[in-house]
Amino acid sequence: MKEFVLVGALVGALTTCVSFAQTAEKPAARPARKAVAGNQGAGHTAPKAQPTTDAAPAAPAGQLQLGSVRIPKTVKADGKPLPSGTYQVRLTPQTAAPVAKGQTATLERWVEFVKGGKVAGREVVTIIPQSEIAKVQKDAPPRANSAKVETLKGGDYMRLWINKSGNHYLVHFPV
């Protein structure tokens, strides 16, 4: 019996709220738009001017020696293990494939890790011109013509960051 009384009270309260909302004063109508002389598009205007697209940044051409780096622990380069040690790093003219959407193909290339005159491994490098580094930089870059190797937060990746000849070269290795 109590349930019927409570349900009845709830239905009555909802009915009162709905009828009150329907009889509440409606907002005033919007004023009509004034016609603008010479505007035949009925409110349409010319599109806003779009910003110009920046020219693709220049990347070094051909092969380039980036310097010597010490990798402190074994990482994976191109899916294969690259043991810890000191390597000569050399930029190849070969672009990375497939090209990622939105990326400039000439700025995604391969680097080779050379030890004892033999290529021990290779990995994709992202080239960032000095003029654009502020857009992606979160921590201090290495000094000019030097490199730094650091384990990234979480410990799953290691980053090699080389600053050479006005460009920054970033290589990310799975650990």
Protein backbone atom coordinates (compact mmCIF):
# COMPACT_ATOMS: atom_id res chain seq x y z
CA MET A 1 0.00 0.00 0.00
CA LYS A 2 2.86 2.36 0.84
CA GLU A 3 4.39 1.74 -2.63
CA PHE A 4 1.19 2.92 -4.34
CA VAL A 5 1.12 6.09 -2.27
CA LEU A 6 4.79 6.88 -3.08
CA VAL A 7 4.33 6.18 -6.81
CA GLY A 8 1.21 8.36 -6.84
CA ALA A 9 3.05 11.21 -5.14
CA LEU A 10 5.94 10.93 -7.62
CA VAL A 11 3.62 10.95 -10.65
CA GLY A 12 1.77 13.97 -9.24
CA ALA A 13 5.02 15.87 -8.68
CA LEU A 14 6.26 15.14 -12.21
CA THR A 15 2.94 16.20 -13.75
CA THR A 16 3.05 19.48 -11.86
CA CYS A 17 6.65 20.18 -13.00
CA VAL A 18 5.86 19.41 -16.64
CA SER A 19 2.74 21.58 -16.71
CA PHE A 20 4.64 24.43 -15.02
CA ALA A 21 7.44 24.20 -17.57
CA GLN A 22 4.96 24.33 -20.46
CA THR A 23 3.18 27.41 -19.15
CA ALA A 24 6.39 29.31 -18.30
CA GLU A 25 7.02 32.47 -20.24
CA LYS A 26 8.69 31.81 -23.60
CA PRO A 27 11.73 33.91 -24.59
CA ALA A 28 11.22 36.82 -26.94
CA ALA A 29 11.56 36.10 -30.65
CA ARG A 30 14.80 37.11 -32.37
CA PRO A 31 14.70 40.30 -34.37
CA ALA A 32 14.68 39.82 -38.13
CA ARG A 33 17.97 40.21 -39.99
CA LYS A 34 18.43 43.33 -41.99
CA ALA A 35 19.21 42.88 -45.64
CA VAL A 36 22.62 44.14 -46.65
CA ALA A 37 22.78 45.93 -49.97
CA GLY A 38 24.81 44.03 -52.54
CA ASN A 39 24.91 40.82 -50.50
CA GLN A 40 23.02 38.38 -52.69
CA GLY A 41 24.22 35.35 -50.68
CA ALA A 42 21.73 35.89 -47.83
CA GLY A 43 24.26 36.06 -45.03
CA HIS A 44 27.13 34.29 -46.80
CA THR A 45 30.48 35.97 -46.94
CA ALA A 46 33.76 35.20 -48.63
CA PRO A 47 35.87 32.53 -46.91
CA LYS A 48 38.57 33.66 -44.53
CA ALA A 49 42.07 33.85 -45.92
CA GLN A 50 44.05 30.70 -45.11
CA PRO A 51 47.61 30.87 -43.80
CA THR A 52 50.27 30.05 -46.30
CA THR A 53 51.93 26.67 -46.10
CA ASP A 54 55.55 26.78 -45.06
CA ALA A 55 58.07 25.49 -47.53
CA ALA A 56 59.45 22.07 -46.72
CA PRO A 57 62.52 22.43 -44.51
CA ALA A 58 65.82 21.63 -46.14
CA ALA A 59 67.46 18.38 -45.16
CA PRO A 60 71.08 17.42 -45.68
CA ALA A 61 71.61 15.67 -48.99
CA GLY A 62 73.52 12.45 -49.39
CA GLN A 63 75.51 10.64 -46.75
CA LEU A 64 76.72 12.47 -43.64
CA GLN A 65 78.84 11.42 -40.66
CA LEU A 66 76.95 12.41 -37.51
CA GLY A 67 79.64 11.44 -35.01
CA SER A 68 80.43 8.84 -32.41
CA VAL A 69 77.95 7.75 -29.72
CA ARG A 70 78.02 5.29 -26.86
CA ILE A 71 74.90 3.15 -26.46
CA PRO A 72 74.88 2.11 -22.75
CA LYS A 73 72.72 -1.03 -23.11
CA THR A 74 71.43 -3.38 -25.78
CA VAL A 75 68.54 -1.91 -27.79
CA LYS A 76 66.60 -2.94 -30.89
CA ALA A 77 67.50 -1.23 -34.15
CA ASP A 78 65.29 -2.09 -37.12
CA GLY A 79 63.89 -4.99 -35.08
CA LYS A 80 67.31 -6.56 -34.47
CA PRO A 81 69.43 -6.35 -31.32
CA LEU A 82 72.13 -3.66 -31.27
CA PRO A 83 74.58 -4.47 -28.45
CA SER A 84 75.85 -1.79 -26.11
CA GLY A 85 79.04 -0.10 -27.22
CA THR A 86 80.48 2.85 -29.10
CA TYR A 87 79.38 3.36 -32.71
CA GLN A 88 80.03 5.76 -35.55
CA VAL A 89 76.65 7.08 -36.70
CA ARG A 90 76.17 7.89 -40.37
CA LEU A 91 73.12 9.34 -42.10
CA THR A 92 72.23 7.57 -45.34
CA PRO A 93 70.51 9.13 -48.37
CA GLN A 94 67.78 6.46 -48.16
CA THR A 95 64.39 7.81 -47.01
CA ALA A 96 62.26 5.76 -44.64
CA ALA A 97 59.33 3.92 -46.17
CA PRO A 98 56.42 3.91 -45.99
CA VAL A 99 56.08 7.66 -45.66
CA ALA A 100 53.98 8.70 -42.67
CA LYS A 101 51.10 11.07 -43.44
CA GLY A 102 51.97 14.67 -42.62
CA GLN A 103 55.71 14.03 -42.58
CA THR A 104 58.24 15.44 -45.02
CA ALA A 105 59.81 12.39 -46.64
CA THR A 106 63.29 13.91 -46.78
CA LEU A 107 63.22 14.38 -42.99
CA GLU A 108 62.65 10.67 -42.23
CA ARG A 109 65.81 8.79 -43.20
CA TRP A 110 67.96 5.84 -42.14
CA VAL A 111 71.08 6.04 -40.00
CA GLU A 112 73.66 3.29 -39.78
CA PHE A 113 75.59 2.30 -36.68
CA VAL A 114 79.11 1.33 -37.73
CA LYS A 115 81.55 -0.57 -35.50
CA GLY A 116 84.92 -1.84 -36.72
CA GLY A 117 84.17 -0.72 -40.29
CA LYS A 118 81.00 -2.86 -40.50
CA VAL A 119 77.38 -1.80 -40.23
CA ALA A 120 76.12 -3.30 -36.95
CA GLY A 121 72.58 -1.96 -37.27
CA ARG A 122 70.35 0.73 -38.70
CA GLU A 123 67.31 2.66 -37.58
CA VAL A 124 64.99 5.44 -38.80
CA VAL A 125 66.01 8.95 -37.77
CA THR A 126 63.78 12.02 -37.66
CA ILE A 127 65.57 15.18 -38.79
CA ILE A 128 64.35 18.41 -37.19
CA PRO A 129 65.81 21.70 -38.46
CA GLN A 130 67.04 24.17 -35.84
CA SER A 131 64.26 26.60 -36.85
CA GLU A 132 61.61 24.02 -35.81
CA ILE A 133 63.14 22.43 -32.71
CA ALA A 134 61.27 24.78 -30.36
CA LYS A 135 57.97 23.24 -31.56
CA VAL A 136 58.93 19.74 -30.38
CA GLN A 137 61.58 20.26 -27.72
CA LYS A 138 60.65 19.53 -24.10
CA ASP A 139 64.07 19.23 -22.51
CA ALA A 140 67.48 20.73 -23.17
CA PRO A 141 69.04 19.62 -26.46
CA PRO A 142 72.66 18.52 -26.63
CA ARG A 143 75.27 21.20 -27.35
CA ALA A 144 76.13 21.87 -30.99
CA ASN A 145 78.07 19.01 -32.63
CA SER A 146 77.40 16.62 -29.75
CA ALA A 147 74.94 13.89 -28.81
CA LYS A 148 73.09 12.55 -25.80
CA VAL A 149 71.55 9.17 -25.13
CA GLU A 150 68.80 8.89 -22.55
CA THR A 151 66.22 6.39 -21.38
CA LEU A 152 62.74 7.85 -21.72
CA LYS A 153 60.10 7.87 -19.00
CA GLY A 154 58.81 4.38 -18.36
CA GLY A 155 62.05 2.75 -19.48
CA ASP A 156 60.60 1.22 -22.67
CA TYR A 157 62.53 3.44 -25.10
CA MET A 158 65.96 4.97 -25.41
CA ARG A 159 66.47 8.18 -27.40
CA LEU A 160 69.61 9.18 -29.25
CA TRP A 161 69.63 12.94 -29.89
CA ILE A 162 72.37 14.37 -32.10
CA ASN A 163 72.77 18.12 -32.71
CA LYS A 164 74.91 18.60 -35.82
CA SER A 165 75.24 21.34 -38.45
CA GLY A 166 72.01 23.17 -37.62
CA ASN A 167 69.83 20.04 -37.51
CA HIS A 168 68.66 17.75 -34.72
CA TYR A 169 68.61 14.00 -35.36
CA LEU A 170 66.32 11.89 -33.16
CA VAL A 171 66.46 8.10 -33.07
CA HIS A 172 64.14 6.12 -30.79
CA PHE A 173 65.07 2.54 -29.86
CA PRO A 174 62.86 0.00 -28.09
CA VAL A 175 64.81 -1.38 -25.12
